[in-house]
C-alpha atoms as a PDB file:
ATOM      1  CA  MET A   1       6.580 -76.391 162.529  1.00  0.00           C
ATOM      2  CA  ASN A   2       4.442 -76.588 159.831  1.00  0.00           C
ATOM      3  CA  GLU A   3       2.929 -73.462 159.023  1.00  0.00           C
ATOM      4  CA  PRO A   4       0.062 -73.647 156.776  1.00  0.00           C
ATOM      5  CA  HIS A   5       1.041 -72.463 153.396  1.00  0.00           C
ATOM      6  CA  ASN A   6      -1.219 -69.757 152.504  1.00  0.00           C
ATOM      7  CA  GLU A   7      -1.486 -69.468 148.786  1.00  0.00           C
ATOM      8  CA  THR A   8      -3.395 -66.638 147.572  1.00  0.00           C
ATOM      9  CA  VAL A   9      -3.901 -66.373 143.929  1.00  0.00           C
ATOM     10  CA  ASN A  10      -3.990 -62.967 142.511  1.00  0.00           C
ATOM     11  CA  PRO A  11      -7.021 -62.856 140.222  1.00  0.00           C
ATOM     12  CA  GLU A  12      -5.270 -60.473 137.852  1.00  0.00           C
ATOM     13  CA  ALA A  13      -2.252 -62.764 137.533  1.00  0.00           C
ATOM     14  CA  GLN A  14      -4.536 -65.727 136.927  1.00  0.00           C
ATOM     15  CA  GLN A  15      -6.346 -63.839 134.174  1.00  0.00           C
ATOM     16  CA  ALA A  16      -3.010 -62.838 132.614  1.00  0.00           C
ATOM     17  CA  THR A  17      -1.826 -66.463 132.683  1.00  0.00           C
ATOM     18  CA  GLU A  18      -5.098 -67.671 131.170  1.00  0.00           C
ATOM     19  CA  ALA A  19      -4.836 -64.975 128.491  1.00  0.00           C
ATOM     20  CA  GLU A  20      -1.264 -66.077 127.688  1.00  0.00           C
ATOM     21  CA  VAL A  21      -2.360 -69.720 127.512  1.00  0.00           C
ATOM     22  CA  SER A  22      -5.338 -68.748 125.401  1.00  0.00           C
ATOM     23  CA  GLU A  23      -3.086 -66.641 123.102  1.00  0.00           C
ATOM     24  CA  ALA A  24      -0.578 -69.528 122.843  1.00  0.00           C
ATOM     25  CA  ASP A  25      -3.409 -71.930 121.943  1.00  0.00           C
ATOM     26  CA  LYS A  26      -4.616 -69.484 119.291  1.00  0.00           C
ATOM     27  CA  LEU A  27      -1.110 -69.197 117.866  1.00  0.00           C
ATOM     28  CA  ARG A  28      -0.667 -73.006 117.896  1.00  0.00           C
ATOM     29  CA  ALA A  29      -3.991 -73.442 116.126  1.00  0.00           C
ATOM     30  CA  GLU A  30      -3.051 -70.728 113.629  1.00  0.00           C
ATOM     31  CA  LEU A  31       0.352 -72.381 113.059  1.00  0.00           C
ATOM     32  CA  GLU A  32      -1.256 -75.784 112.506  1.00  0.00           C
ATOM     33  CA  PHE A  33      -3.759 -74.255 110.099  1.00  0.00           C
ATOM     34  CA  THR A  34      -0.988 -72.442 108.181  1.00  0.00           C
ATOM     35  CA  GLN A  35       1.113 -75.622 108.063  1.00  0.00           C
ATOM     36  CA  ALA A  36      -1.878 -77.554 106.711  1.00  0.00           C
ATOM     37  CA  GLU A  37      -2.447 -74.850 104.062  1.00  0.00           C
ATOM     38  CA  LEU A  38       1.252 -74.928 103.146  1.00  0.00           C
ATOM     39  CA  SER A  39       1.184 -78.709 102.903  1.00  0.00           C
ATOM     40  CA  ALA A  40      -1.923 -78.578 100.680  1.00  0.00           C
ATOM     41  CA  ALA A  41      -0.358 -75.872  98.482  1.00  0.00           C
ATOM     42  CA  LYS A  42       2.883 -77.863  98.226  1.00  0.00           C
ATOM     43  CA  ASP A  43       0.930 -80.990  97.271  1.00  0.00           C
ATOM     44  CA  LYS A  44      -1.035 -79.014  94.656  1.00  0.00           C
ATOM     45  CA  PHE A  45       2.204 -77.533  93.290  1.00  0.00           C
ATOM     46  CA  LEU A  46       3.835 -80.954  93.016  1.00  0.00           C
ATOM     47  CA  ARG A  47       0.802 -82.337  91.203  1.00  0.00           C
ATOM     48  CA  LEU A  48       0.720 -79.383  88.808  1.00  0.00           C
ATOM     49  CA  TYR A  49       4.465 -79.710  88.223  1.00  0.00           C
ATOM     50  CA  ALA A  50       4.069 -83.423  87.470  1.00  0.00           C
ATOM     51  CA  ASP A  51       1.116 -82.685  85.150  1.00  0.00           C
ATOM     52  CA  PHE A  52       3.135 -80.016  83.344  1.00  0.00           C
ATOM     53  CA  ASP A  53       6.146 -82.313  83.023  1.00  0.00           C
ATOM     54  CA  ASN A  54       3.902 -85.049  81.578  1.00  0.00           C
ATOM     55  CA  PHE A  55       2.328 -82.503  79.211  1.00  0.00           C
ATOM     56  CA  ARG A  56       5.784 -81.356  78.080  1.00  0.00           C
ATOM     57  CA  LYS A  57       6.908 -84.933  77.420  1.00  0.00           C
ATOM     58  CA  ARG A  58       3.648 -85.746  75.615  1.00  0.00           C
ATOM     59  CA  THR A  59       4.002 -82.603  73.467  1.00  0.00           C
ATOM     60  CA  ILE A  60       7.566 -83.537  72.512  1.00  0.00           C
ATOM     61  CA  ASN A  61       6.403 -87.026  71.572  1.00  0.00           C
ATOM     62  CA  ASP A  62       3.449 -85.612  69.592  1.00  0.00           C
ATOM     63  CA  LEU A  63       5.731 -83.221  67.696  1.00  0.00           C
ATOM     64  CA  ASP A  64       8.211 -86.004  66.923  1.00  0.00           C
ATOM     65  CA  SER A  65       5.365 -88.223  65.764  1.00  0.00           C
ATOM     66  CA  ALA A  66       3.890 -85.462  63.565  1.00  0.00           C
ATOM     67  CA  ARG A  67       7.314 -84.745  62.041  1.00  0.00           C
ATOM     68  CA  GLN A  68       7.885 -88.423  61.355  1.00  0.00           C
ATOM     69  CA  ASN A  69       4.399 -88.803  59.848  1.00  0.00           C
ATOM     70  CA  GLY A  70       5.068 -85.795  57.608  1.00  0.00           C
ATOM     71  CA  GLU A  71       8.358 -87.272  56.447  1.00  0.00           C
ATOM     72  CA  ILE A  72       6.697 -90.612  55.753  1.00  0.00           C
ATOM     73  CA  LYS A  73       3.907 -88.878  53.804  1.00  0.00           C
ATOM     74  CA  ALA A  74       6.481 -87.017  51.689  1.00  0.00           C
ATOM     75  CA  LEU A  75       8.527 -90.164  51.081  1.00  0.00           C
ATOM     76  CA  ARG A  76       5.430 -92.090  50.037  1.00  0.00           C
ATOM     77  CA  ALA A  77       4.612 -89.302  47.581  1.00  0.00           C
ATOM     78  CA  PHE A  78       8.081 -89.531  45.997  1.00  0.00           C
ATOM     79  CA  LEU A  79       8.438 -93.317  45.788  1.00  0.00           C
ATOM     80  CA  PRO A  80       6.218 -93.512  42.675  1.00  0.00           C
ATOM     81  CA  THR A  81       8.539 -90.947  41.062  1.00  0.00           C
ATOM     82  CA  LEU A  82      11.504 -93.223  41.724  1.00  0.00           C
ATOM     83  CA  ASP A  83       9.540 -96.108  40.174  1.00  0.00           C
ATOM     84  CA  ASP A  84       8.742 -93.941  37.125  1.00  0.00           C
ATOM     85  CA  ILE A  85      12.397 -92.969  36.640  1.00  0.00           C
ATOM     86  CA  GLU A  86      13.467 -96.602  36.848  1.00  0.00           C
ATOM     87  CA  ARG A  87      10.794 -97.567  34.284  1.00  0.00           C
ATOM     88  CA  ALA A  88      11.850 -94.713  31.977  1.00  0.00           C
ATOM     89  CA  LEU A  89      15.462 -95.868  32.141  1.00  0.00           C
ATOM     90  CA  GLY A  90      14.340 -99.438  31.401  1.00  0.00           C
ATOM     91  CA  PHE A  91      12.420 -98.283  28.308  1.00  0.00           C
ATOM     92  CA  ALA A  92      15.354 -96.101  27.238  1.00  0.00           C
ATOM     93  CA  LYS A  93      17.540 -99.195  26.958  1.00  0.00           C
ATOM     94  CA  ALA A  94      15.038-100.751  24.569  1.00  0.00           C
ATOM     95  CA  ASP A  95      14.259 -97.552  22.622  1.00  0.00           C
ATOM     96  CA  PRO A  96      16.284 -94.429  23.557  1.00  0.00           C
ATOM     97  CA  ALA A  97      13.769 -92.181  21.756  1.00  0.00           C
ATOM     98  CA  GLN A  98      11.168 -93.073  24.398  1.00  0.00           C
ATOM     99  CA  LEU A  99      13.376 -91.601  27.148  1.00  0.00           C
ATOM    100  CA  ILE A 100      12.047 -88.067  26.571  1.00  0.00           C
ATOM    101  CA  GLU A 101       8.439 -89.210  26.672  1.00  0.00           C
ATOM    102  CA  GLY A 102       9.141 -91.230  29.824  1.00  0.00           C
ATOM    103  CA  LEU A 103      10.884 -88.322  31.541  1.00  0.00           C
ATOM    104  CA  ASN A 104       8.002 -86.007  30.664  1.00  0.00           C
ATOM    105  CA  LYS A 105       5.630 -88.474  32.367  1.00  0.00           C
ATOM    106  CA  VAL A 106       7.942 -88.574  35.415  1.00  0.00           C
ATOM    107  CA  VAL A 107       7.924 -84.764  35.664  1.00  0.00           C
ATOM    108  CA  GLU A 108       4.130 -84.712  35.279  1.00  0.00           C
ATOM    109  CA  ASN A 109       3.697 -87.289  38.062  1.00  0.00           C
ATOM    110  CA  LEU A 110       6.192 -85.500  40.307  1.00  0.00           C
ATOM    111  CA  ARG A 111       4.324 -82.205  39.895  1.00  0.00           C
ATOM    112  CA  ARG A 112       1.057 -83.985  40.724  1.00  0.00           C
ATOM    113  CA  ASN A 113       2.651 -85.447  43.882  1.00  0.00           C
ATOM    114  CA  LEU A 114       3.979 -82.029  44.898  1.00  0.00           C
ATOM    115  CA  THR A 115       0.521 -80.512  44.404  1.00  0.00           C
ATOM    116  CA  ALA A 116      -0.971 -83.270  46.565  1.00  0.00           C
ATOM    117  CA  LEU A 117       1.470 -82.216  49.312  1.00  0.00           C
ATOM    118  CA  GLY A 118       0.289 -78.598  49.004  1.00  0.00           C
ATOM    119  CA  VAL A 119       3.348 -77.375  47.091  1.00  0.00           C
ATOM    120  CA  GLN A 120       2.733 -74.552  44.625  1.00  0.00           C
ATOM    121  CA  ALA A 121       5.063 -73.083  42.030  1.00  0.00           C
ATOM    122  CA  VAL A 122       6.138 -69.466  42.523  1.00  0.00           C
ATOM    123  CA  PRO A 123       4.859 -67.226  39.684  1.00  0.00           C
ATOM    124  CA  GLY A 124       7.362 -67.371  36.836  1.00  0.00           C
ATOM    125  CA  GLN A 125       7.940 -65.892  33.402  1.00  0.00           C
ATOM    126  CA  GLY A 126       5.828 -62.818  32.641  1.00  0.00           C
ATOM    127  CA  SER A 127       4.967 -62.137  36.291  1.00  0.00           C
ATOM    128  CA  ASP A 128       6.079 -59.069  38.224  1.00  0.00           C
ATOM    129  CA  PHE A 129       9.433 -59.490  39.957  1.00  0.00           C
ATOM    130  CA  ASP A 130       8.833 -60.036  43.679  1.00  0.00           C
ATOM    131  CA  PRO A 131      11.943 -60.190  45.895  1.00  0.00           C
ATOM    132  CA  ARG A 132       9.986 -62.277  48.408  1.00  0.00           C
ATOM    133  CA  HIS A 133       9.653 -65.082  45.819  1.00  0.00           C
ATOM    134  CA  HIS A 134      12.344 -64.402  43.226  1.00  0.00           C
ATOM    135  CA  GLU A 135      16.123 -64.178  43.299  1.00  0.00           C
ATOM    136  CA  ALA A 136      17.344 -61.994  40.448  1.00  0.00           C
ATOM    137  CA  ILE A 137      20.477 -63.510  38.951  1.00  0.00           C
ATOM    138  CA  GLY A 138      20.709 -60.931  36.190  1.00  0.00           C
ATOM    139  CA  MET A 139      18.942 -58.381  34.072  1.00  0.00           C
ATOM    140  CA  VAL A 140      18.112 -58.531  30.382  1.00  0.00           C
ATOM    141  CA  GLU A 141      16.408 -56.321  27.874  1.00  0.00           C
ATOM    142  CA  GLY A 142      12.684 -56.617  28.296  1.00  0.00           C
ATOM    143  CA  GLN A 143       9.698 -55.172  30.091  1.00  0.00           C
ATOM    144  CA  GLU A 144      11.011 -53.434  33.171  1.00  0.00           C
ATOM    145  CA  GLY A 145      10.329 -55.241  36.465  1.00  0.00           C
ATOM    146  CA  LYS A 146       8.961 -58.387  34.822  1.00  0.00           C
ATOM    147  CA  VAL A 147      10.397 -61.894  35.074  1.00  0.00           C
ATOM    148  CA  MET A 148      11.833 -62.543  31.611  1.00  0.00           C
ATOM    149  CA  HIS A 149      13.312 -66.009  32.133  1.00  0.00           C
ATOM    150  CA  VAL A 150      13.239 -68.613  34.930  1.00  0.00           C
ATOM    151  CA  TYR A 151      16.441 -70.587  35.469  1.00  0.00           C
ATOM    152  CA  GLN A 152      15.256 -72.472  38.530  1.00  0.00           C
ATOM    153  CA  GLU A 153      11.619 -72.765  39.503  1.00  0.00           C
ATOM    154  CA  GLY A 154      10.616 -71.666  42.983  1.00  0.00           C
ATOM    155  CA  PHE A 155       8.124 -73.386  45.277  1.00  0.00           C
ATOM    156  CA  LYS A 156       6.029 -72.559  48.320  1.00  0.00           C
ATOM    157  CA  VAL A 157       3.554 -74.263  50.639  1.00  0.00           C
ATOM    158  CA  GLY A 158       0.862 -71.803  51.625  1.00  0.00           C
ATOM    159  CA  ASP A 159       2.727 -68.629  52.560  1.00  0.00           C
ATOM    160  CA  VAL A 160       5.978 -70.454  53.384  1.00  0.00           C
ATOM    161  CA  LEU A 161       8.629 -70.179  50.694  1.00  0.00           C
ATOM    162  CA  ILE A 162      10.464 -73.468  50.199  1.00  0.00           C
ATOM    163  CA  ARG A 163      12.791 -72.219  47.480  1.00  0.00           C
ATOM    164  CA  GLU A 164      12.895 -68.894  45.649  1.00  0.00           C
ATOM    165  CA  ALA A 165      12.895 -68.872  41.865  1.00  0.00           C
ATOM    166  CA  LYS A 166      16.171 -67.844  40.188  1.00  0.00           C
ATOM    167  CA  VAL A 167      15.165 -65.447  37.439  1.00  0.00           C
ATOM    168  CA  MET A 168      16.329 -62.912  34.896  1.00  0.00           C
ATOM    169  CA  VAL A 169      14.514 -59.591  35.236  1.00  0.00           C
ATOM    170  CA  GLY A 170      13.659 -57.084  32.513  1.00  0.00           C
ATOM    171  CA  LYS A 171      15.557 -53.808  32.707  1.00  0.00           C
ATOM    172  CA  GLY A 172      13.595 -52.028  30.020  1.00  0.00           C
ATOM    173  CA  ILE A 173      13.977 -51.889  26.277  1.00  0.00           C
ATOM    174  CA  ALA A 174      16.961 -49.932  24.926  1.00  0.00           C
ATOM    175  CA  GLU A 175      16.191 -47.333  22.301  1.00  0.00           C
ATOM    176  CA  SER A 176      17.581 -48.089  18.877  1.00  0.00           C
ATOM    177  CA  GLY A 177      19.920 -45.626  17.134  1.00  0.00           C
ATOM    178  CA  GLU A 178      17.132 -44.408  14.787  1.00  0.00           C
ATOM    179  CA  GLN A 179      14.768 -43.554  17.656  1.00  0.00           C
ATOM    180  CA  ARG A 180      17.505 -41.613  19.451  1.00  0.00           C
ATOM    181  CA  ALA A 181      18.260 -39.619  16.265  1.00  0.00           C
ATOM    182  CA  GLU A 182      14.570 -38.800  15.749  1.00  0.00           C
ATOM    183  CA  GLY A 183      14.266 -37.613  19.318  1.00  0.00           C
ATOM    184  CA  ASN A 184      17.067 -35.034  18.831  1.00  0.00           C
END
């Protein structure tokens, strides 16, 4: 006996099921959208990371190239000095008296090459003692706080000190015995 199957659909239950399906579809769509955004952000991040890595490598190469170019520029500036020294020694064999004149020319050319590289001498004898530029290796009688003698010249490029000058600094002038007696 087949009884007719009487299916009655509760309208409230049908609405609830449709609402659940509709909510699930919304969530799926939201999930797909979020996954697409995540994928796009990940792709953008990977591209930026690759760009940064390429920039870093390019910067390292540029710095190495600039350093090497600077070294080459300095070496080119000093090669004429080597040539001058060799010439001076050659002339000294023929006439030793010319050695001093030749060495003076070498020093003159070397100073010119240093100037071309932006190297400046630190203020020397007669200047005020400056601990940023001078290394005091002793004190002598003379005007207090003044550089009295330079033992080794100092050099700088712009504000960067390459080598401080080794100097003797004045400690003042001692009074002679006569002046002390007059003062009493």
